[in-house]
Amino acid sequence: MGKLDAVLKVSIIAAALLGSCSIAYYYLAYLPQRDAQLDLERKQERKKVDAEKRAAAQRAAAEQRAAELRAAEQREAEQQAAEQRQAAEKVAAQLRYLSCLSQASDNYDAMWAGACKRSAEVNNDIMRNRVDCIHNGIMSKADCEAIWKLHDGSANCALPRGLEAT
């Protein structure tokens, strides 16, 4: 049994050595390599998550800028519309003013022409009185003409100072 014992002992030592090598390989080579691989995967996953977060933040920032730009454009459009309304209102007010001024001028001219016409109608009475004055010999012809002076009957006449309101 001596040889068998020696083979058994060598087999047990070889088995123990093989087992310890396997355990040593597991702890010294496989686990560190697996941990390194897991660390690498975790880092890549973190980078991926960080990249997604950055991309989402950039999208949100771009959307925010776009919304602000749209709001600014809308405010500008509203401001331009308000300025156009104000300009249109100003033009309309100016047209109303010019129309009123024209109407007042036309009324004034018509009233002046009417007063000149009435003044010319008075000339008939003045002529009669002048003729009567001259024919009756009450005064000299020059005095009668000075007293019974004819009015200008044109539309642009010079109206007398004391004109009765009609």
Foldseek 3Di string as FASTA:
>chain_A
DVVVVVVVVVVVVVVVVVVVVVVCCVVPPVVVVVVVVVVVVVVVVVVVVVVVVVVVVVVVVVVVVVVVVVVVVVVVVVVVVVVVVVVVVVVVVVVVVVVVVVVVVVVVLVVLLVLLQVLQVCLVVLVVQLVCCPVVVPDHNVVSCVVSPGFRNGSPGDHDPDGDDD
